[in-house]
């Protein structure tokens, strides 16, 4: 391979790794926002502002689904880029998916 071809491959790998890392960061932020709403905003601030308590479960349900989808997409990105930390990040993403699934089930039971 010529030097320019090697440089293009390395640049492509770097961009792919950066995209995977950005996707992971986005998934973690979405999951964090969901937890902030669930444990801080709705239980503490919503009643103080006179907002109905049932609203939190509905928004939590939607946020859980978005968070699970973002984490699955993050796993896909890391494996597609063949990132060196793909298995560590996959384990972390799966842990977050399990947590979000439990929260999703709790939200569903509180709505029913």
N, C-alpha and C. Protein backbone atom coordinates (compact mmCIF):
# COMPACT_ATOMS: atom_id res chain seq x y z
N UNK A 1 0.84 -1.18 0.00
CA UNK A 1 0.00 0.00 0.00
C UNK A 1 0.88 1.24 0.00
N UNK A 2 0.43 2.25 -0.69
CA UNK A 2 1.18 3.50 -0.70
C UNK A 2 0.93 4.27 0.60
N UNK A 3 1.77 5.24 0.86
CA UNK A 3 1.64 6.01 2.10
C UNK A 3 0.33 6.77 2.16
N UNK A 4 -0.12 7.29 1.01
CA UNK A 4 -1.37 8.05 1.01
C UNK A 4 -2.56 7.14 1.30
N UNK A 5 -2.51 5.89 0.84
CA UNK A 5 -3.59 4.94 1.12
C UNK A 5 -3.61 4.60 2.60
N UNK A 6 -2.46 4.39 3.19
CA UNK A 6 -2.36 4.09 4.62
C UNK A 6 -2.87 5.28 5.43
N UNK A 7 -2.50 6.48 5.02
CA UNK A 7 -2.97 7.68 5.73
C UNK A 7 -4.48 7.81 5.64
N UNK A 8 -5.06 7.50 4.47
CA UNK A 8 -6.51 7.58 4.30
C UNK A 8 -7.21 6.55 5.18
N UNK A 9 -6.65 5.35 5.28
CA UNK A 9 -7.24 4.31 6.12
C UNK A 9 -7.18 4.73 7.59
N UNK A 10 -6.04 5.26 8.02
CA UNK A 10 -5.91 5.71 9.41
C UNK A 10 -6.86 6.86 9.70
N UNK A 11 -7.01 7.79 8.76
CA UNK A 11 -7.93 8.92 8.94
C UNK A 11 -9.37 8.41 9.03
N UNK A 12 -9.70 7.43 8.20
CA UNK A 12 -11.04 6.86 8.21
C UNK A 12 -11.32 6.16 9.54
N UNK A 13 -10.34 5.42 10.07
CA UNK A 13 -10.48 4.75 11.36
C UNK A 13 -10.65 5.76 12.48
N UNK A 14 -9.90 6.87 12.41
CA UNK A 14 -9.99 7.90 13.44
C UNK A 14 -11.38 8.53 13.44
N UNK A 15 -11.91 8.84 12.26
CA UNK A 15 -13.25 9.42 12.15
C UNK A 15 -14.28 8.43 12.66
N UNK A 16 -14.13 7.16 12.30
CA UNK A 16 -15.07 6.14 12.74
C UNK A 16 -15.03 5.98 14.26
N UNK A 17 -13.84 5.98 14.85
CA UNK A 17 -13.71 5.89 16.31
C UNK A 17 -14.32 7.11 16.99
N UNK A 18 -14.11 8.28 16.42
CA UNK A 18 -14.69 9.50 17.00
C UNK A 18 -16.21 9.47 16.95
N UNK A 19 -16.76 8.98 15.84
CA UNK A 19 -18.22 8.86 15.73
C UNK A 19 -18.76 7.88 16.77
N UNK A 20 -18.06 6.77 16.96
CA UNK A 20 -18.48 5.79 17.96
C UNK A 20 -18.44 6.40 19.36
N UNK A 21 -17.39 7.14 19.66
CA UNK A 21 -17.27 7.77 20.97
C UNK A 21 -18.35 8.83 21.17
N UNK A 22 -18.65 9.60 20.13
CA UNK A 22 -19.71 10.61 20.22
C UNK A 22 -21.07 9.96 20.43
N UNK A 23 -21.31 8.84 19.76
CA UNK A 23 -22.57 8.12 19.92
C UNK A 23 -22.70 7.60 21.34
N UNK A 24 -21.62 7.07 21.88
CA UNK A 24 -21.62 6.59 23.26
C UNK A 24 -21.92 7.74 24.23
N UNK A 25 -21.26 8.87 24.03
CA UNK A 25 -21.49 10.03 24.90
C UNK A 25 -22.94 10.48 24.84
N UNK A 26 -23.51 10.50 23.65
CA UNK A 26 -24.91 10.90 23.49
C UNK A 26 -25.83 9.93 24.22
N UNK A 27 -25.57 8.63 24.11
CA UNK A 27 -26.39 7.62 24.78
C UNK A 27 -26.31 7.80 26.30
N UNK A 28 -25.13 8.08 26.82
CA UNK A 28 -24.98 8.27 28.27
C UNK A 28 -25.69 9.55 28.73
N UNK A 29 -25.63 10.61 27.93
CA UNK A 29 -26.30 11.85 28.28
C UNK A 29 -27.81 11.64 28.30
N UNK A 30 -28.35 10.94 27.31
CA UNK A 30 -29.79 10.66 27.27
C UNK A 30 -30.20 9.86 28.50
N UNK A 31 -29.42 8.86 28.84
CA UNK A 31 -29.73 8.05 30.02
C UNK A 31 -29.64 8.88 31.30
N UNK A 32 -28.66 9.76 31.37
CA UNK A 32 -28.51 10.63 32.53
C UNK A 32 -29.66 11.63 32.67
N UNK A 33 -30.10 12.17 31.55
CA UNK A 33 -31.23 13.10 31.58
C UNK A 33 -32.48 12.38 32.05
N UNK A 34 -32.67 11.16 31.60
CA UNK A 34 -33.82 10.36 32.01
C UNK A 34 -33.81 10.17 33.53
N UNK A 35 -32.64 9.87 34.08
CA UNK A 35 -32.52 9.66 35.52
C UNK A 35 -32.75 10.97 36.28
N UNK A 36 -32.25 12.08 35.75
CA UNK A 36 -32.47 13.37 36.40
C UNK A 36 -33.97 13.69 36.46
N UNK A 37 -34.67 13.45 35.37
CA UNK A 37 -36.12 13.67 35.37
C UNK A 37 -36.80 12.75 36.37
N UNK A 38 -36.40 11.48 36.37
CA UNK A 38 -37.06 10.49 37.22
C UNK A 38 -36.84 10.74 38.71
N UNK A 39 -35.61 11.10 39.09
CA UNK A 39 -35.27 11.16 40.50
C UNK A 39 -35.19 12.56 41.09
N UNK A 40 -35.13 13.60 40.24
CA UNK A 40 -35.01 14.95 40.77
C UNK A 40 -36.17 15.84 40.33
N UNK A 41 -36.33 15.98 39.06
CA UNK A 41 -37.30 16.96 38.54
C UNK A 41 -38.73 16.57 38.88
N UNK A 42 -39.14 15.35 38.54
CA UNK A 42 -40.53 14.98 38.78
C UNK A 42 -40.87 14.74 40.24
N UNK A 43 -40.05 14.05 41.02
CA UNK A 43 -40.43 13.85 42.41
C UNK A 43 -40.34 15.11 43.28
N UNK A 44 -39.41 16.00 42.96
CA UNK A 44 -39.18 17.15 43.83
C UNK A 44 -39.76 18.44 43.25
N UNK A 45 -39.38 18.75 42.02
CA UNK A 45 -39.77 20.03 41.45
C UNK A 45 -41.19 20.04 40.89
N UNK A 46 -41.64 18.94 40.29
CA UNK A 46 -42.97 18.92 39.67
C UNK A 46 -44.08 19.19 40.69
N UNK A 47 -44.09 18.52 41.85
CA UNK A 47 -45.14 18.83 42.82
C UNK A 47 -45.08 20.27 43.34
N UNK A 48 -43.88 20.79 43.48
CA UNK A 48 -43.72 22.17 43.94
C UNK A 48 -44.29 23.16 42.92
N UNK A 49 -44.23 22.79 41.64
CA UNK A 49 -44.75 23.65 40.59
C UNK A 49 -46.21 23.34 40.26
N UNK A 50 -46.78 22.34 40.92
CA UNK A 50 -48.17 21.98 40.70
C UNK A 50 -48.42 21.13 39.47
N UNK A 51 -47.40 20.47 38.99
CA UNK A 51 -47.54 19.59 37.83
C UNK A 51 -47.98 18.22 38.31
N UNK A 52 -48.86 17.59 37.56
CA UNK A 52 -49.41 16.28 37.94
C UNK A 52 -48.30 15.25 38.06
N UNK A 53 -48.44 14.37 39.04
CA UNK A 53 -47.41 13.37 39.29
C UNK A 53 -47.38 12.27 38.23
N UNK A 54 -48.49 11.98 37.57
CA UNK A 54 -48.54 10.93 36.56
C UNK A 54 -47.77 11.25 35.29
N UNK A 55 -47.46 12.52 35.10
CA UNK A 55 -46.74 12.94 33.90
C UNK A 55 -45.34 12.34 33.87
N UNK A 56 -44.72 12.21 35.03
CA UNK A 56 -43.35 11.69 35.11
C UNK A 56 -43.21 10.30 34.55
N UNK A 57 -44.16 9.43 34.81
CA UNK A 57 -44.08 8.06 34.31
C UNK A 57 -44.19 8.01 32.80
N UNK A 58 -45.05 8.83 32.24
CA UNK A 58 -45.20 8.86 30.78
C UNK A 58 -43.96 9.35 30.08
N UNK A 59 -43.39 10.42 30.62
CA UNK A 59 -42.16 10.95 30.03
C UNK A 59 -41.00 9.99 30.28
N UNK A 60 -40.97 9.37 31.46
CA UNK A 60 -39.93 8.38 31.76
C UNK A 60 -39.98 7.20 30.82
N UNK A 61 -41.19 6.78 30.46
CA UNK A 61 -41.37 5.67 29.53
C UNK A 61 -40.77 6.01 28.17
N UNK A 62 -41.08 7.19 27.67
CA UNK A 62 -40.54 7.62 26.37
C UNK A 62 -39.02 7.78 26.46
N UNK A 63 -38.55 8.40 27.53
CA UNK A 63 -37.11 8.60 27.70
C UNK A 63 -36.36 7.28 27.81
N UNK A 64 -36.96 6.28 28.46
CA UNK A 64 -36.33 4.96 28.55
C UNK A 64 -36.18 4.33 27.17
N UNK A 65 -37.23 4.42 26.37
CA UNK A 65 -37.18 3.85 25.02
C UNK A 65 -36.12 4.54 24.17
N UNK A 66 -36.05 5.86 24.27
CA UNK A 66 -35.03 6.60 23.52
C UNK A 66 -33.64 6.23 24.02
N UNK A 67 -33.47 6.13 25.33
CA UNK A 67 -32.17 5.76 25.91
C UNK A 67 -31.73 4.37 25.50
N UNK A 68 -32.66 3.41 25.49
CA UNK A 68 -32.33 2.05 25.07
C UNK A 68 -31.91 2.04 23.61
N UNK A 69 -32.65 2.75 22.77
CA UNK A 69 -32.30 2.81 21.34
C UNK A 69 -30.93 3.46 21.15
N UNK A 70 -30.64 4.52 21.88
CA UNK A 70 -29.34 5.19 21.76
C UNK A 70 -28.20 4.29 22.20
N UNK A 71 -28.41 3.51 23.25
CA UNK A 71 -27.37 2.59 23.72
C UNK A 71 -27.15 1.45 22.73
N UNK A 72 -28.21 0.95 22.13
CA UNK A 72 -28.07 -0.09 21.10
C UNK A 72 -27.30 0.46 19.91
N UNK A 73 -27.62 1.69 19.51
CA UNK A 73 -26.92 2.32 18.39
C UNK A 73 -25.44 2.53 18.73
N UNK A 74 -25.16 2.87 19.99
CA UNK A 74 -23.78 3.04 20.42
C UNK A 74 -23.00 1.72 20.29
N UNK A 75 -23.62 0.64 20.71
CA UNK A 75 -22.97 -0.68 20.58
C UNK A 75 -22.68 -0.97 19.12
N UNK A 76 -23.65 -0.71 18.27
CA UNK A 76 -23.48 -0.94 16.83
C UNK A 76 -22.31 -0.13 16.27
N UNK A 77 -22.24 1.15 16.66
CA UNK A 77 -21.17 2.02 16.18
C UNK A 77 -19.79 1.53 16.62
N UNK A 78 -19.67 1.15 17.89
CA UNK A 78 -18.37 0.70 18.39
C UNK A 78 -17.91 -0.57 17.68
N UNK A 79 -18.84 -1.47 17.41
CA UNK A 79 -18.45 -2.71 16.74
C UNK A 79 -18.16 -2.46 15.26
N UNK A 80 -18.89 -1.55 14.64
CA UNK A 80 -18.65 -1.24 13.23
C UNK A 80 -17.29 -0.57 13.04
N UNK A 81 -16.88 0.23 14.03
CA UNK A 81 -15.59 0.91 13.91
C UNK A 81 -14.43 0.05 14.38
N UNK A 82 -14.75 -1.13 14.94
CA UNK A 82 -13.74 -2.03 15.50
C UNK A 82 -12.86 -1.29 16.51
N UNK A 83 -13.51 -0.49 17.33
CA UNK A 83 -12.83 0.30 18.36
C UNK A 83 -12.16 -0.64 19.36
N UNK A 84 -11.02 -0.23 19.86
CA UNK A 84 -10.26 -1.08 20.78
C UNK A 84 -11.01 -1.35 22.08
N UNK A 85 -11.94 -0.49 22.46
CA UNK A 85 -12.69 -0.65 23.70
C UNK A 85 -14.10 -1.16 23.47
N UNK A 86 -14.35 -1.74 22.32
CA UNK A 86 -15.73 -2.10 21.97
C UNK A 86 -16.38 -3.05 22.98
N UNK A 87 -15.65 -3.99 23.54
CA UNK A 87 -16.26 -4.93 24.48
C UNK A 87 -16.51 -4.29 25.84
N UNK A 88 -15.62 -3.40 26.26
CA UNK A 88 -15.83 -2.69 27.53
C UNK A 88 -17.04 -1.76 27.44
N UNK A 89 -17.11 -1.05 26.32
CA UNK A 89 -18.23 -0.13 26.12
C UNK A 89 -19.52 -0.92 25.95
N UNK A 90 -19.47 -2.07 25.29
CA UNK A 90 -20.65 -2.91 25.14
C UNK A 90 -21.16 -3.35 26.51
N UNK A 91 -20.26 -3.74 27.40
CA UNK A 91 -20.67 -4.15 28.75
C UNK A 91 -21.33 -2.98 29.49
N UNK A 92 -20.75 -1.80 29.37
CA UNK A 92 -21.33 -0.62 30.01
C UNK A 92 -22.70 -0.29 29.42
N UNK A 93 -22.79 -0.30 28.09
CA UNK A 93 -24.07 -0.03 27.44
C UNK A 93 -25.13 -1.06 27.85
N UNK A 94 -24.75 -2.31 27.91
CA UNK A 94 -25.72 -3.34 28.31
C UNK A 94 -26.19 -3.13 29.75
N UNK A 95 -25.28 -2.70 30.61
CA UNK A 95 -25.68 -2.39 31.99
C UNK A 95 -26.70 -1.27 32.03
N UNK A 96 -26.47 -0.24 31.24
CA UNK A 96 -27.41 0.88 31.18
C UNK A 96 -28.74 0.43 30.57
N UNK A 97 -28.69 -0.42 29.55
CA UNK A 97 -29.92 -0.94 28.94
C UNK A 97 -30.73 -1.72 29.96
N UNK A 98 -30.06 -2.53 30.77
CA UNK A 98 -30.76 -3.30 31.80
C UNK A 98 -31.41 -2.35 32.81
N UNK A 99 -30.68 -1.34 33.24
CA UNK A 99 -31.24 -0.35 34.17
C UNK A 99 -32.44 0.35 33.56
N UNK A 100 -32.31 0.79 32.32
CA UNK A 100 -33.42 1.48 31.66
C UNK A 100 -34.62 0.56 31.46
N UNK A 101 -34.37 -0.72 31.21
CA UNK A 101 -35.47 -1.67 31.05
C UNK A 101 -36.22 -1.84 32.37
N UNK A 102 -35.49 -1.91 33.47
CA UNK A 102 -36.14 -2.00 34.79
C UNK A 102 -36.97 -0.75 35.03
N UNK A 103 -36.41 0.42 34.74
CA UNK A 103 -37.14 1.67 34.93
C UNK A 103 -38.36 1.75 34.02
N UNK A 104 -38.21 1.23 32.80
CA UNK A 104 -39.34 1.19 31.85
C UNK A 104 -40.47 0.34 32.41
N UNK A 105 -40.13 -0.81 32.96
CA UNK A 105 -41.14 -1.70 33.55
C UNK A 105 -41.81 -1.01 34.75
N UNK A 106 -41.04 -0.34 35.57
CA UNK A 106 -41.60 0.39 36.71
C UNK A 106 -42.55 1.50 36.25
N UNK A 107 -42.17 2.20 35.19
CA UNK A 107 -43.03 3.24 34.64
C UNK A 107 -44.32 2.65 34.09
N UNK A 108 -44.20 1.52 33.40
CA UNK A 108 -45.40 0.87 32.86
C UNK A 108 -46.35 0.42 33.97
N UNK A 109 -45.80 -0.13 35.03
CA UNK A 109 -46.68 -0.59 36.13
C UNK A 109 -47.33 0.60 36.85
N UNK A 110 -46.63 1.72 36.93
CA UNK A 110 -47.25 2.88 37.59
C UNK A 110 -48.31 3.52 36.71
N UNK A 111 -48.22 3.35 35.41
CA UNK A 111 -49.24 3.89 34.51
C UNK A 111 -50.48 3.00 34.45
N UNK A 112 -50.30 1.71 34.68
CA UNK A 112 -51.42 0.79 34.60
C UNK A 112 -52.06 0.63 35.91
